[in-house]
Amino acid sequence: EEIDRFYTATGMTNALDQLFGSTAWTSVSRAAPESHRKELLLDAYCGELETLPNVRTGRFSISTKNETARLTLIFATHDDKGLQCWNDVKWKLDPGVGRSAAERRPDAQGILFSDDLSRLKAALRRDYAGHSASFADLLSLALREGYQEKHLRDALEQLSEEGLAAREEPIESKSHWPPDSAVRLWDSEDNDPA
């Protein structure tokens, strides 16, 4: 909230340059709607952190009085284990989408819709379509995208049902997506050799 307010105020250039560690924030259009502008500022901030060697980031918004985010916690780590812990907490606090918490939203409100895995499925296909990848590599991508291992397994299951993913190795397994598996992803159903 404060960064957005200062972003549009004159005379805050030096402070924002120091906060972001660059002028990346200046690429965000002042004409953008407020909620979109805030997301772009968060993207710019996380993007600057991720320019550091081997840094991964996560974020979680907290709202007060209404559903507008009052502040966002940014988590930076050098290890996928850190993201795994971070994502577990996010999804425990917000079982619906793993993105935010609000004081007016009851903890036990339940989940109206099932987890939307479209972003994760798109990221998997974007990075690995036409290739085989280890489950560990796919899990690393899922963690960077803000998901948990269970979400990866569900996304792979959905992609498999759509004819866009298949386990290559091991040939036989009690689990459909074991931790030591190799998975092949396709661009579209037309590329599925089956």
N, C-alpha and C. Protein backbone atom coordinates (compact mmCIF):
# COMPACT_ATOMS: atom_id res chain seq x y z
N GLU A 1 0.83 -1.19 0.00
CA GLU A 1 0.00 0.00 0.00
C GLU A 1 0.87 1.26 0.00
N GLU A 2 1.85 1.30 0.90
CA GLU A 2 2.70 2.49 0.99
C GLU A 2 3.59 2.66 -0.24
N ILE A 3 4.12 1.56 -0.77
CA ILE A 3 4.96 1.66 -1.96
C ILE A 3 4.15 2.22 -3.11
N ASP A 4 2.92 1.76 -3.26
CA ASP A 4 2.08 2.29 -4.33
C ASP A 4 1.80 3.77 -4.11
N ARG A 5 1.55 4.16 -2.88
CA ARG A 5 1.29 5.58 -2.60
C ARG A 5 2.53 6.42 -2.89
N PHE A 6 3.70 5.93 -2.46
CA PHE A 6 4.94 6.67 -2.71
C PHE A 6 5.33 6.63 -4.18
N TYR A 7 4.97 5.55 -4.85
CA TYR A 7 5.30 5.39 -6.26
C TYR A 7 4.69 6.53 -7.08
N THR A 8 3.48 6.90 -6.71
CA THR A 8 2.80 7.95 -7.48
C THR A 8 3.10 9.34 -6.94
N ALA A 9 3.86 9.45 -5.85
CA ALA A 9 4.20 10.76 -5.28
C ALA A 9 5.51 11.27 -5.88
N THR A 10 5.59 12.57 -6.04
CA THR A 10 6.83 13.15 -6.56
C THR A 10 7.85 13.22 -5.43
N GLY A 11 9.10 13.20 -5.76
CA GLY A 11 10.17 13.33 -4.78
C GLY A 11 10.56 12.03 -4.09
N MET A 12 10.03 10.88 -4.52
CA MET A 12 10.35 9.61 -3.87
C MET A 12 11.29 8.73 -4.71
N THR A 13 11.79 9.28 -5.79
CA THR A 13 12.61 8.50 -6.72
C THR A 13 13.80 7.84 -6.04
N ASN A 14 14.58 8.59 -5.29
CA ASN A 14 15.77 8.02 -4.64
C ASN A 14 15.42 6.93 -3.65
N ALA A 15 14.37 7.13 -2.87
CA ALA A 15 13.97 6.12 -1.88
C ALA A 15 13.53 4.82 -2.57
N LEU A 16 12.77 4.95 -3.66
CA LEU A 16 12.32 3.76 -4.37
C LEU A 16 13.47 3.08 -5.11
N ASP A 17 14.40 3.85 -5.64
CA ASP A 17 15.59 3.27 -6.26
C ASP A 17 16.36 2.43 -5.24
N GLN A 18 16.50 2.95 -4.03
CA GLN A 18 17.22 2.22 -2.98
C GLN A 18 16.44 0.98 -2.55
N LEU A 19 15.12 1.10 -2.42
CA LEU A 19 14.30 -0.04 -2.00
C LEU A 19 14.38 -1.18 -3.01
N PHE A 20 14.26 -0.85 -4.29
CA PHE A 20 14.27 -1.86 -5.34
C PHE A 20 15.70 -2.28 -5.73
N GLY A 21 16.67 -1.46 -5.38
CA GLY A 21 18.04 -1.75 -5.78
C GLY A 21 18.30 -1.44 -7.24
N SER A 22 17.34 -0.80 -7.89
CA SER A 22 17.46 -0.43 -9.30
C SER A 22 16.31 0.53 -9.63
N THR A 23 16.18 0.81 -10.90
CA THR A 23 15.06 1.64 -11.36
C THR A 23 13.96 0.78 -11.99
N ALA A 24 13.93 -0.51 -11.69
CA ALA A 24 12.95 -1.42 -12.28
C ALA A 24 11.52 -0.94 -12.04
N TRP A 25 11.27 -0.31 -10.94
CA TRP A 25 9.93 0.15 -10.59
C TRP A 25 9.41 1.21 -11.57
N THR A 26 10.32 1.91 -12.25
CA THR A 26 9.90 2.98 -13.15
C THR A 26 9.22 2.45 -14.41
N SER A 27 9.36 1.15 -14.69
CA SER A 27 8.72 0.58 -15.89
C SER A 27 7.23 0.33 -15.67
N VAL A 28 6.76 0.44 -14.42
CA VAL A 28 5.34 0.23 -14.12
C VAL A 28 4.58 1.51 -14.45
N SER A 29 3.57 1.37 -15.28
CA SER A 29 2.80 2.53 -15.74
C SER A 29 1.97 3.13 -14.61
N ARG A 30 2.07 4.42 -14.45
CA ARG A 30 1.25 5.12 -13.46
C ARG A 30 -0.23 5.10 -13.85
N ALA A 31 -0.49 4.86 -15.13
CA ALA A 31 -1.88 4.85 -15.62
C ALA A 31 -2.56 3.50 -15.38
N ALA A 32 -1.81 2.49 -15.01
CA ALA A 32 -2.41 1.17 -14.77
C ALA A 32 -3.38 1.24 -13.60
N PRO A 33 -4.43 0.43 -13.62
CA PRO A 33 -5.34 0.39 -12.47
C PRO A 33 -4.56 0.01 -11.21
N GLU A 34 -5.02 0.51 -10.07
CA GLU A 34 -4.27 0.35 -8.81
C GLU A 34 -3.90 -1.10 -8.50
N SER A 35 -4.85 -2.02 -8.57
CA SER A 35 -4.54 -3.41 -8.21
C SER A 35 -3.52 -4.01 -9.18
N HIS A 36 -3.64 -3.70 -10.45
CA HIS A 36 -2.68 -4.20 -11.44
C HIS A 36 -1.31 -3.56 -11.23
N ARG A 37 -1.30 -2.28 -10.92
CA ARG A 37 -0.04 -1.56 -10.67
C ARG A 37 0.69 -2.17 -9.47
N LYS A 38 -0.06 -2.52 -8.42
CA LYS A 38 0.56 -3.14 -7.24
C LYS A 38 1.18 -4.48 -7.59
N GLU A 39 0.48 -5.28 -8.40
CA GLU A 39 1.03 -6.57 -8.83
C GLU A 39 2.30 -6.37 -9.65
N LEU A 40 2.30 -5.38 -10.53
CA LEU A 40 3.48 -5.10 -11.35
C LEU A 40 4.65 -4.63 -10.48
N LEU A 41 4.37 -3.84 -9.46
CA LEU A 41 5.44 -3.42 -8.54
C LEU A 41 6.00 -4.62 -7.78
N LEU A 42 5.13 -5.52 -7.35
CA LEU A 42 5.60 -6.75 -6.69
C LEU A 42 6.44 -7.59 -7.65
N ASP A 43 5.98 -7.71 -8.90
CA ASP A 43 6.75 -8.45 -9.91
C ASP A 43 8.12 -7.84 -10.09
N ALA A 44 8.18 -6.50 -10.14
CA ALA A 44 9.47 -5.81 -10.33
C ALA A 44 10.39 -6.05 -9.14
N TYR A 45 9.84 -5.98 -7.93
CA TYR A 45 10.65 -6.19 -6.73
C TYR A 45 11.20 -7.62 -6.68
N CYS A 46 10.31 -8.61 -6.89
CA CYS A 46 10.75 -10.01 -6.89
C CYS A 46 11.72 -10.27 -8.04
N GLY A 47 11.44 -9.65 -9.17
CA GLY A 47 12.33 -9.80 -10.32
C GLY A 47 13.74 -9.32 -10.03
N GLU A 48 13.86 -8.22 -9.30
CA GLU A 48 15.19 -7.71 -8.93
C GLU A 48 15.88 -8.67 -7.97
N LEU A 49 15.15 -9.22 -7.01
CA LEU A 49 15.74 -10.21 -6.11
C LEU A 49 16.23 -11.43 -6.89
N GLU A 50 15.45 -11.84 -7.88
CA GLU A 50 15.78 -13.05 -8.63
C GLU A 50 16.92 -12.84 -9.63
N THR A 51 17.37 -11.59 -9.79
CA THR A 51 18.56 -11.37 -10.62
C THR A 51 19.83 -11.75 -9.86
N LEU A 52 19.71 -11.89 -8.54
CA LEU A 52 20.84 -12.34 -7.74
C LEU A 52 21.06 -13.83 -7.99
N PRO A 53 22.29 -14.31 -7.87
CA PRO A 53 22.58 -15.71 -8.18
C PRO A 53 21.73 -16.69 -7.37
N ASN A 54 21.03 -17.57 -8.08
CA ASN A 54 20.31 -18.69 -7.49
C ASN A 54 19.26 -18.28 -6.46
N VAL A 55 18.62 -17.12 -6.65
CA VAL A 55 17.59 -16.67 -5.71
C VAL A 55 16.21 -16.98 -6.29
N ARG A 56 15.36 -17.52 -5.43
CA ARG A 56 13.96 -17.79 -5.76
C ARG A 56 13.11 -16.99 -4.78
N THR A 57 11.94 -16.55 -5.21
CA THR A 57 11.09 -15.76 -4.32
C THR A 57 9.68 -16.33 -4.26
N GLY A 58 9.00 -15.98 -3.19
CA GLY A 58 7.59 -16.28 -3.01
C GLY A 58 6.94 -15.07 -2.36
N ARG A 59 5.64 -14.99 -2.44
CA ARG A 59 4.94 -13.85 -1.83
C ARG A 59 3.60 -14.29 -1.26
N PHE A 60 3.15 -13.54 -0.28
CA PHE A 60 1.86 -13.82 0.37
C PHE A 60 1.30 -12.50 0.86
N SER A 61 0.08 -12.18 0.46
CA SER A 61 -0.53 -10.90 0.83
C SER A 61 -1.42 -11.04 2.05
N ILE A 62 -1.47 -9.96 2.82
CA ILE A 62 -2.31 -9.92 4.02
C ILE A 62 -3.20 -8.69 3.91
N SER A 63 -4.50 -8.92 4.10
CA SER A 63 -5.48 -7.85 3.99
C SER A 63 -6.05 -7.53 5.36
N THR A 64 -6.41 -6.27 5.55
CA THR A 64 -7.11 -5.86 6.77
C THR A 64 -8.32 -5.04 6.36
N LYS A 65 -9.40 -5.21 7.05
CA LYS A 65 -10.64 -4.47 6.87
C LYS A 65 -11.39 -4.79 5.58
N ASN A 66 -10.68 -5.15 4.53
CA ASN A 66 -11.35 -5.54 3.28
C ASN A 66 -10.45 -6.53 2.56
N GLU A 67 -10.75 -6.84 1.34
CA GLU A 67 -9.97 -7.83 0.60
C GLU A 67 -8.79 -7.20 -0.16
N THR A 68 -8.55 -5.90 0.03
CA THR A 68 -7.40 -5.26 -0.60
C THR A 68 -6.16 -5.54 0.23
N ALA A 69 -5.12 -6.01 -0.41
CA ALA A 69 -3.88 -6.34 0.31
C ALA A 69 -3.30 -5.10 0.97
N ARG A 70 -3.07 -5.18 2.26
CA ARG A 70 -2.44 -4.09 3.01
C ARG A 70 -0.93 -4.20 2.93
N LEU A 71 -0.44 -5.43 2.98
CA LEU A 71 1.00 -5.67 2.84
C LEU A 71 1.22 -7.02 2.23
N THR A 72 2.39 -7.20 1.68
CA THR A 72 2.76 -8.48 1.08
C THR A 72 4.11 -8.90 1.64
N LEU A 73 4.15 -10.13 2.13
CA LEU A 73 5.41 -10.70 2.61
C LEU A 73 6.14 -11.28 1.42
N ILE A 74 7.40 -10.92 1.27
CA ILE A 74 8.25 -11.46 0.20
C ILE A 74 9.25 -12.40 0.85
N PHE A 75 9.33 -13.61 0.33
CA PHE A 75 10.26 -14.60 0.84
C PHE A 75 11.30 -14.86 -0.24
N ALA A 76 12.57 -14.80 0.13
CA ALA A 76 13.66 -15.08 -0.82
C ALA A 76 14.53 -16.19 -0.23
N THR A 77 14.94 -17.11 -1.09
CA THR A 77 15.73 -18.25 -0.65
C THR A 77 16.66 -18.69 -1.77
N HIS A 78 17.67 -19.46 -1.41
CA HIS A 78 18.57 -20.05 -2.39
C HIS A 78 18.27 -21.53 -2.60
N ASP A 79 17.26 -22.05 -1.94
CA ASP A 79 17.04 -23.49 -1.94
C ASP A 79 15.57 -23.83 -2.15
N ASP A 80 15.31 -24.85 -2.93
CA ASP A 80 13.93 -25.30 -3.14
C ASP A 80 13.28 -25.76 -1.84
N LYS A 81 14.07 -26.24 -0.89
CA LYS A 81 13.52 -26.66 0.41
C LYS A 81 12.89 -25.46 1.13
N GLY A 82 13.51 -24.29 0.99
CA GLY A 82 12.94 -23.08 1.56
C GLY A 82 11.59 -22.76 0.93
N LEU A 83 11.52 -22.87 -0.41
CA LEU A 83 10.24 -22.62 -1.08
C LEU A 83 9.21 -23.66 -0.69
N GLN A 84 9.64 -24.89 -0.50
CA GLN A 84 8.71 -25.94 -0.10
C GLN A 84 8.07 -25.60 1.24
N CYS A 85 8.87 -25.18 2.21
CA CYS A 85 8.33 -24.78 3.53
C CYS A 85 7.41 -23.57 3.39
N TRP A 86 7.87 -22.58 2.62
CA TRP A 86 7.09 -21.35 2.40
C TRP A 86 5.74 -21.69 1.78
N ASN A 87 5.74 -22.51 0.73
CA ASN A 87 4.50 -22.85 0.04
C ASN A 87 3.56 -23.65 0.94
N ASP A 88 4.10 -24.52 1.79
CA ASP A 88 3.26 -25.26 2.74
C ASP A 88 2.51 -24.30 3.66
N VAL A 89 3.20 -23.28 4.14
CA VAL A 89 2.56 -22.29 5.02
C VAL A 89 1.51 -21.50 4.26
N LYS A 90 1.84 -21.04 3.05
CA LYS A 90 0.89 -20.26 2.24
C LYS A 90 -0.40 -21.03 2.02
N TRP A 91 -0.27 -22.30 1.64
CA TRP A 91 -1.46 -23.09 1.32
C TRP A 91 -2.23 -23.47 2.59
N LYS A 92 -1.55 -23.51 3.73
CA LYS A 92 -2.27 -23.75 4.99
C LYS A 92 -3.09 -22.51 5.36
N LEU A 93 -2.51 -21.32 5.15
CA LEU A 93 -3.21 -20.08 5.47
C LEU A 93 -4.32 -19.77 4.48
N ASP A 94 -4.13 -20.16 3.22
CA ASP A 94 -5.13 -19.90 2.19
C ASP A 94 -5.31 -21.16 1.34
N PRO A 95 -6.13 -22.12 1.82
CA PRO A 95 -6.29 -23.39 1.12
C PRO A 95 -6.90 -23.26 -0.27
N GLY A 96 -7.53 -22.13 -0.55
CA GLY A 96 -8.16 -21.95 -1.86
C GLY A 96 -7.19 -21.70 -2.98
N VAL A 97 -6.31 -20.71 -2.81
CA VAL A 97 -5.36 -20.35 -3.88
C VAL A 97 -3.94 -20.12 -3.40
N GLY A 98 -3.70 -20.16 -2.09
CA GLY A 98 -2.34 -20.02 -1.56
C GLY A 98 -1.72 -18.66 -1.82
N ARG A 99 -2.53 -17.60 -1.79
CA ARG A 99 -1.99 -16.27 -2.13
C ARG A 99 -2.19 -15.19 -1.08
N SER A 100 -3.26 -15.31 -0.24
CA SER A 100 -3.52 -14.20 0.68
C SER A 100 -4.35 -14.65 1.87
N ALA A 101 -4.32 -13.81 2.90
CA ALA A 101 -5.14 -14.00 4.09
C ALA A 101 -5.78 -12.67 4.44
N ALA A 102 -6.95 -12.73 5.04
CA ALA A 102 -7.65 -11.50 5.42
C ALA A 102 -8.29 -11.69 6.79
N GLU A 103 -8.29 -10.62 7.58
CA GLU A 103 -8.86 -10.74 8.93
C GLU A 103 -10.36 -10.97 8.88
N ARG A 104 -11.03 -10.54 7.85
CA ARG A 104 -12.48 -10.72 7.77
C ARG A 104 -12.88 -12.05 7.15
N ARG A 105 -11.92 -12.79 6.66
CA ARG A 105 -12.21 -14.08 6.05
C ARG A 105 -12.04 -15.14 7.13
N PRO A 106 -13.09 -15.86 7.50
CA PRO A 106 -12.96 -16.87 8.55
C PRO A 106 -11.99 -17.97 8.14
N ASP A 107 -11.21 -18.44 9.12
CA ASP A 107 -10.25 -19.51 8.84
C ASP A 107 -10.92 -20.77 8.33
N ALA A 108 -12.11 -21.03 8.83
CA ALA A 108 -12.78 -22.28 8.48
C ALA A 108 -13.82 -22.08 7.39
N GLN A 109 -13.61 -21.12 6.49
CA GLN A 109 -14.61 -20.85 5.48
C GLN A 109 -14.75 -21.97 4.47
N GLY A 110 -13.77 -22.85 4.39
CA GLY A 110 -13.84 -23.93 3.42
C GLY A 110 -13.43 -23.44 2.05
N ILE A 111 -13.40 -24.36 1.11
CA ILE A 111 -12.97 -24.05 -0.24
C ILE A 111 -14.17 -24.20 -1.16
N LEU A 112 -14.53 -23.12 -1.83
CA LEU A 112 -15.68 -23.15 -2.73
C LEU A 112 -15.35 -23.90 -4.01
N PHE A 113 -14.15 -23.65 -4.55
CA PHE A 113 -13.73 -24.30 -5.78
C PHE A 113 -12.46 -25.10 -5.52
N SER A 114 -12.23 -26.13 -6.33
CA SER A 114 -11.00 -26.89 -6.19
C SER A 114 -9.82 -26.04 -6.64
N ASP A 115 -8.62 -26.48 -6.29
CA ASP A 115 -7.41 -25.74 -6.65
C ASP A 115 -7.35 -25.54 -8.16
N ASP A 116 -7.07 -24.31 -8.58
CA ASP A 116 -6.90 -24.01 -9.98
C ASP A 116 -5.45 -24.26 -10.35
N LEU A 117 -5.23 -25.27 -11.14
CA LEU A 117 -3.87 -25.66 -11.50
C LEU A 117 -3.48 -25.18 -12.89
N SER A 118 -4.28 -24.30 -13.49
CA SER A 118 -4.01 -23.88 -14.86
C SER A 118 -2.66 -23.18 -15.00
N ARG A 119 -2.28 -22.34 -14.02
CA ARG A 119 -0.98 -21.66 -14.08
C ARG A 119 0.16 -22.66 -14.02
N LEU A 120 0.03 -23.65 -13.14
CA LEU A 120 1.07 -24.66 -13.01
C LEU A 120 1.16 -25.51 -14.28
N LYS A 121 0.02 -25.94 -14.81
CA LYS A 121 0.03 -26.74 -16.03
C LYS A 121 0.64 -25.95 -17.19
N ALA A 122 0.32 -24.68 -17.28
CA ALA A 122 0.89 -23.84 -18.35
C ALA A 122 2.40 -23.71 -18.18
N ALA A 123 2.86 -23.55 -16.94
CA ALA A 123 4.31 -23.43 -16.70
C ALA A 123 5.03 -24.73 -17.03
N LEU A 124 4.45 -25.86 -16.70
CA LEU A 124 5.05 -27.15 -17.01
C LEU A 124 5.19 -27.32 -18.52
N ARG A 125 4.14 -26.99 -19.24
CA ARG A 125 4.18 -27.13 -20.70
C ARG A 125 5.10 -26.09 -21.33
N ARG A 126 5.11 -24.88 -20.77
CA ARG A 126 5.99 -23.82 -21.28
C ARG A 126 7.46 -24.24 -21.20
N ASP A 127 7.85 -24.81 -20.07
CA ASP A 127 9.26 -25.13 -19.84
C ASP A 127 9.68 -26.52 -20.32
N TYR A 128 8.72 -27.45 -20.43
CA TYR A 128 9.13 -28.83 -20.70
C TYR A 128 8.40 -29.51 -21.86
N ALA A 129 7.50 -28.83 -22.55
CA ALA A 129 6.79 -29.47 -23.66
C ALA A 129 7.78 -29.96 -24.70
N GLY A 130 7.57 -31.21 -25.13
CA GLY A 130 8.45 -31.81 -26.12
C GLY A 130 9.69 -32.44 -25.52
N HIS A 131 9.78 -32.45 -24.18
CA HIS A 131 10.97 -32.97 -23.51
C HIS A 131 10.57 -33.92 -22.38
N SER A 132 11.56 -34.65 -21.94
CA SER A 132 11.43 -35.48 -20.76
C SER A 132 12.13 -34.76 -19.62
N ALA A 133 11.57 -34.84 -18.42
CA ALA A 133 12.18 -34.18 -17.26
C ALA A 133 12.03 -35.07 -16.04
N SER A 134 12.95 -34.92 -15.12
CA SER A 134 12.85 -35.67 -13.87
C SER A 134 11.75 -35.06 -13.00
N PHE A 135 11.18 -35.89 -12.15
CA PHE A 135 10.17 -35.40 -11.22
C PHE A 135 10.76 -34.29 -10.35
N ALA A 136 12.04 -34.43 -9.98
CA ALA A 136 12.70 -33.40 -9.16
C ALA A 136 12.74 -32.06 -9.88
N ASP A 137 13.01 -32.05 -11.19
CA ASP A 137 13.02 -30.79 -11.95
C ASP A 137 11.62 -30.19 -12.03
N LEU A 138 10.63 -31.05 -12.24
CA LEU A 138 9.25 -30.56 -12.29
C LEU A 138 8.81 -30.01 -10.94
N LEU A 139 9.24 -30.67 -9.87
CA LEU A 139 8.90 -30.18 -8.53
C LEU A 139 9.57 -28.83 -8.27
N SER A 140 10.80 -28.67 -8.70
CA SER A 140 11.49 -27.39 -8.53
C SER A 140 10.71 -26.27 -9.23
N LEU A 141 10.22 -26.53 -10.44
CA LEU A 141 9.42 -25.54 -11.16
C LEU A 141 8.13 -25.26 -10.40
N ALA A 142 7.45 -26.31 -9.93
CA ALA A 142 6.19 -26.12 -9.19
C ALA A 142 6.41 -25.26 -7.95
N LEU A 143 7.50 -25.50 -7.23
CA LEU A 143 7.79 -24.71 -6.03
C LEU A 143 8.03 -23.25 -6.39
N ARG A 144 8.77 -22.99 -7.46
CA ARG A 144 9.02 -21.61 -7.89
C ARG A 144 7.74 -20.91 -8.32
N GLU A 145 6.78 -21.69 -8.81
CA GLU A 145 5.50 -21.12 -9.23
C GLU A 145 4.54 -20.94 -8.06
N GLY A 146 4.96 -21.39 -6.85
CA GLY A 146 4.14 -21.18 -5.65
C GLY A 146 3.26 -22.35 -5.27
N TYR A 147 3.52 -23.53 -5.82
CA TYR A 147 2.69 -24.69 -5.55
C TYR A 147 3.41 -25.70 -4.66
N GLN A 148 2.66 -26.70 -4.21
CA GLN A 148 3.19 -27.78 -3.39
C GLN A 148 3.33 -29.04 -4.25
N GLU A 149 4.01 -30.05 -3.68
CA GLU A 149 4.20 -31.31 -4.40
C GLU A 149 2.86 -31.94 -4.77
N LYS A 150 1.88 -31.87 -3.87
CA LYS A 150 0.57 -32.47 -4.17
C LYS A 150 -0.06 -31.80 -5.38
N HIS A 151 0.17 -30.48 -5.55
CA HIS A 151 -0.37 -29.78 -6.72
C HIS A 151 0.30 -30.28 -7.99
N LEU A 152 1.61 -30.52 -7.92
CA LEU A 152 2.33 -31.05 -9.09
C LEU A 152 1.74 -32.40 -9.49
N ARG A 153 1.54 -33.27 -8.52
CA ARG A 153 0.99 -34.59 -8.83
C ARG A 153 -0.40 -34.46 -9.46
N ASP A 154 -1.23 -33.55 -8.91
CA ASP A 154 -2.57 -33.34 -9.48
C ASP A 154 -2.48 -32.78 -10.90
N ALA A 155 -1.57 -31.83 -11.12
CA ALA A 155 -1.42 -31.24 -12.45
C ALA A 155 -0.93 -32.28 -13.45
N LEU A 156 0.02 -33.12 -13.04
CA LEU A 156 0.50 -34.18 -13.93
C LEU A 156 -0.62 -35.17 -14.24
N GLU A 157 -1.44 -35.45 -13.25
CA GLU A 157 -2.57 -36.36 -13.46
C GLU A 157 -3.53 -35.76 -14.49
N GLN A 158 -3.83 -34.47 -14.34
CA GLN A 158 -4.73 -33.81 -15.30
C GLN A 158 -4.12 -33.78 -16.70
N LEU A 159 -2.83 -33.45 -16.79
CA LEU A 159 -2.16 -33.44 -18.09
C LEU A 159 -2.14 -34.83 -18.70
N SER A 160 -1.96 -35.84 -17.87
CA SER A 160 -1.97 -37.22 -18.35
C SER A 160 -3.34 -37.57 -18.92
N GLU A 161 -4.40 -37.19 -18.21
CA GLU A 161 -5.77 -37.44 -18.68
C GLU A 161 -6.05 -36.71 -19.99
N GLU A 162 -5.39 -35.57 -20.19
CA GLU A 162 -5.55 -34.79 -21.43
C GLU A 162 -4.63 -35.30 -22.54
N GLY A 163 -3.82 -36.32 -22.24
CA GLY A 163 -2.90 -36.86 -23.23
C GLY A 163 -1.66 -36.00 -23.44
N LEU A 164 -1.31 -35.18 -22.44
CA LEU A 164 -0.20 -34.24 -22.58
C LEU A 164 0.98 -34.57 -21.68
N ALA A 165 0.89 -35.65 -20.90
CA ALA A 165 2.00 -36.06 -20.03
C ALA A 165 1.95 -37.57 -19.83
N ALA A 166 3.13 -38.15 -19.71
CA ALA A 166 3.21 -39.60 -19.43
C ALA A 166 4.50 -39.89 -18.69
N ARG A 167 4.44 -40.87 -17.80
CA ARG A 167 5.64 -41.30 -17.10
C ARG A 167 6.44 -42.20 -18.03
N GLU A 168 7.72 -41.87 -18.23
CA GLU A 168 8.61 -42.70 -19.05
C GLU A 168 9.34 -43.73 -18.21
N GLU A 169 9.75 -43.33 -17.04
CA GLU A 169 10.49 -44.21 -16.14
C GLU A 169 10.02 -43.96 -14.72
N PRO A 170 10.03 -44.93 -13.88
CA PRO A 170 10.21 -46.36 -14.14
C PRO A 170 9.00 -46.92 -14.88
N ILE A 171 9.22 -47.99 -15.59
CA ILE A 171 8.15 -48.61 -16.38
C ILE A 171 7.04 -49.09 -15.46
N GLU A 172 7.40 -49.72 -14.35
CA GLU A 172 6.41 -50.19 -13.38
C GLU A 172 6.63 -49.49 -12.06
N SER A 173 5.53 -49.09 -11.44
CA SER A 173 5.62 -48.40 -10.15
C SER A 173 4.27 -48.47 -9.46
N LYS A 174 4.29 -48.53 -8.14
CA LYS A 174 3.04 -48.53 -7.38
C LYS A 174 2.42 -47.13 -7.40
N SER A 175 3.26 -46.12 -7.44
CA SER A 175 2.80 -44.74 -7.50
C SER A 175 2.82 -44.27 -8.96
N HIS A 176 1.85 -43.45 -9.35
CA HIS A 176 1.80 -42.97 -10.72
C HIS A 176 2.94 -41.99 -11.01
N TRP A 177 3.32 -41.18 -10.04
CA TRP A 177 4.38 -40.19 -10.22
C TRP A 177 5.40 -40.32 -9.09
N PRO A 178 6.20 -41.41 -9.09
CA PRO A 178 7.17 -41.58 -8.00
C PRO A 178 8.28 -40.52 -8.06
N PRO A 179 8.93 -40.26 -6.93
CA PRO A 179 9.96 -39.21 -6.88
C PRO A 179 11.13 -39.44 -7.84
N ASP A 180 11.38 -40.68 -8.23
CA ASP A 180 12.50 -40.97 -9.13
C ASP A 180 12.05 -41.10 -10.59
N SER A 181 10.83 -40.63 -10.90
CA SER A 181 10.30 -40.83 -12.24
C SER A 181 10.84 -39.80 -13.23
N ALA A 182 10.75 -40.16 -14.51
CA ALA A 182 11.01 -39.27 -15.63
C ALA A 182 9.67 -39.08 -16.33
N VAL A 183 9.33 -37.85 -16.66
CA VAL A 183 8.02 -37.54 -17.22
C VAL A 183 8.21 -36.84 -18.57
N ARG A 184 7.44 -37.25 -19.55
CA ARG A 184 7.46 -36.62 -20.88
C ARG A 184 6.22 -35.75 -21.00
N LEU A 185 6.39 -34.50 -21.47
CA LEU A 185 5.28 -33.58 -21.68
C LEU A 185 5.20 -33.22 -23.17
N TRP A 186 3.98 -32.97 -23.65
CA TRP A 186 3.77 -32.61 -25.04
C TRP A 186 3.15 -31.23 -25.16
N ASP A 187 3.32 -30.61 -26.36
CA ASP A 187 2.73 -29.31 -26.66
C ASP A 187 1.22 -29.38 -26.74
N SER A 188 0.75 -30.36 -27.49
CA SER A 188 -0.69 -30.51 -27.68
C SER A 188 -0.99 -31.99 -27.86
N GLU A 189 -2.25 -32.30 -27.87
CA GLU A 189 -2.66 -33.70 -28.03
C GLU A 189 -2.15 -34.27 -29.36
N ASP A 190 -1.97 -33.40 -30.36
CA ASP A 190 -1.49 -33.86 -31.67
C ASP A 190 -0.08 -34.41 -31.59
N ASN A 191 0.71 -33.96 -30.62
CA ASN A 191 2.08 -34.41 -30.48
C ASN A 191 2.21 -35.67 -29.64
N ASP A 192 1.10 -36.14 -29.09
CA ASP A 192 1.13 -37.35 -28.27
C ASP A 192 1.25 -38.56 -29.17
N PRO A 193 2.37 -39.33 -29.06
CA PRO A 193 2.55 -40.47 -29.95
C PRO A 193 1.50 -41.56 -29.77
N ALA A 194 0.79 -41.53 -28.63
CA ALA A 194 -0.26 -42.54 -28.41
C ALA A 194 -1.41 -42.27 -29.35
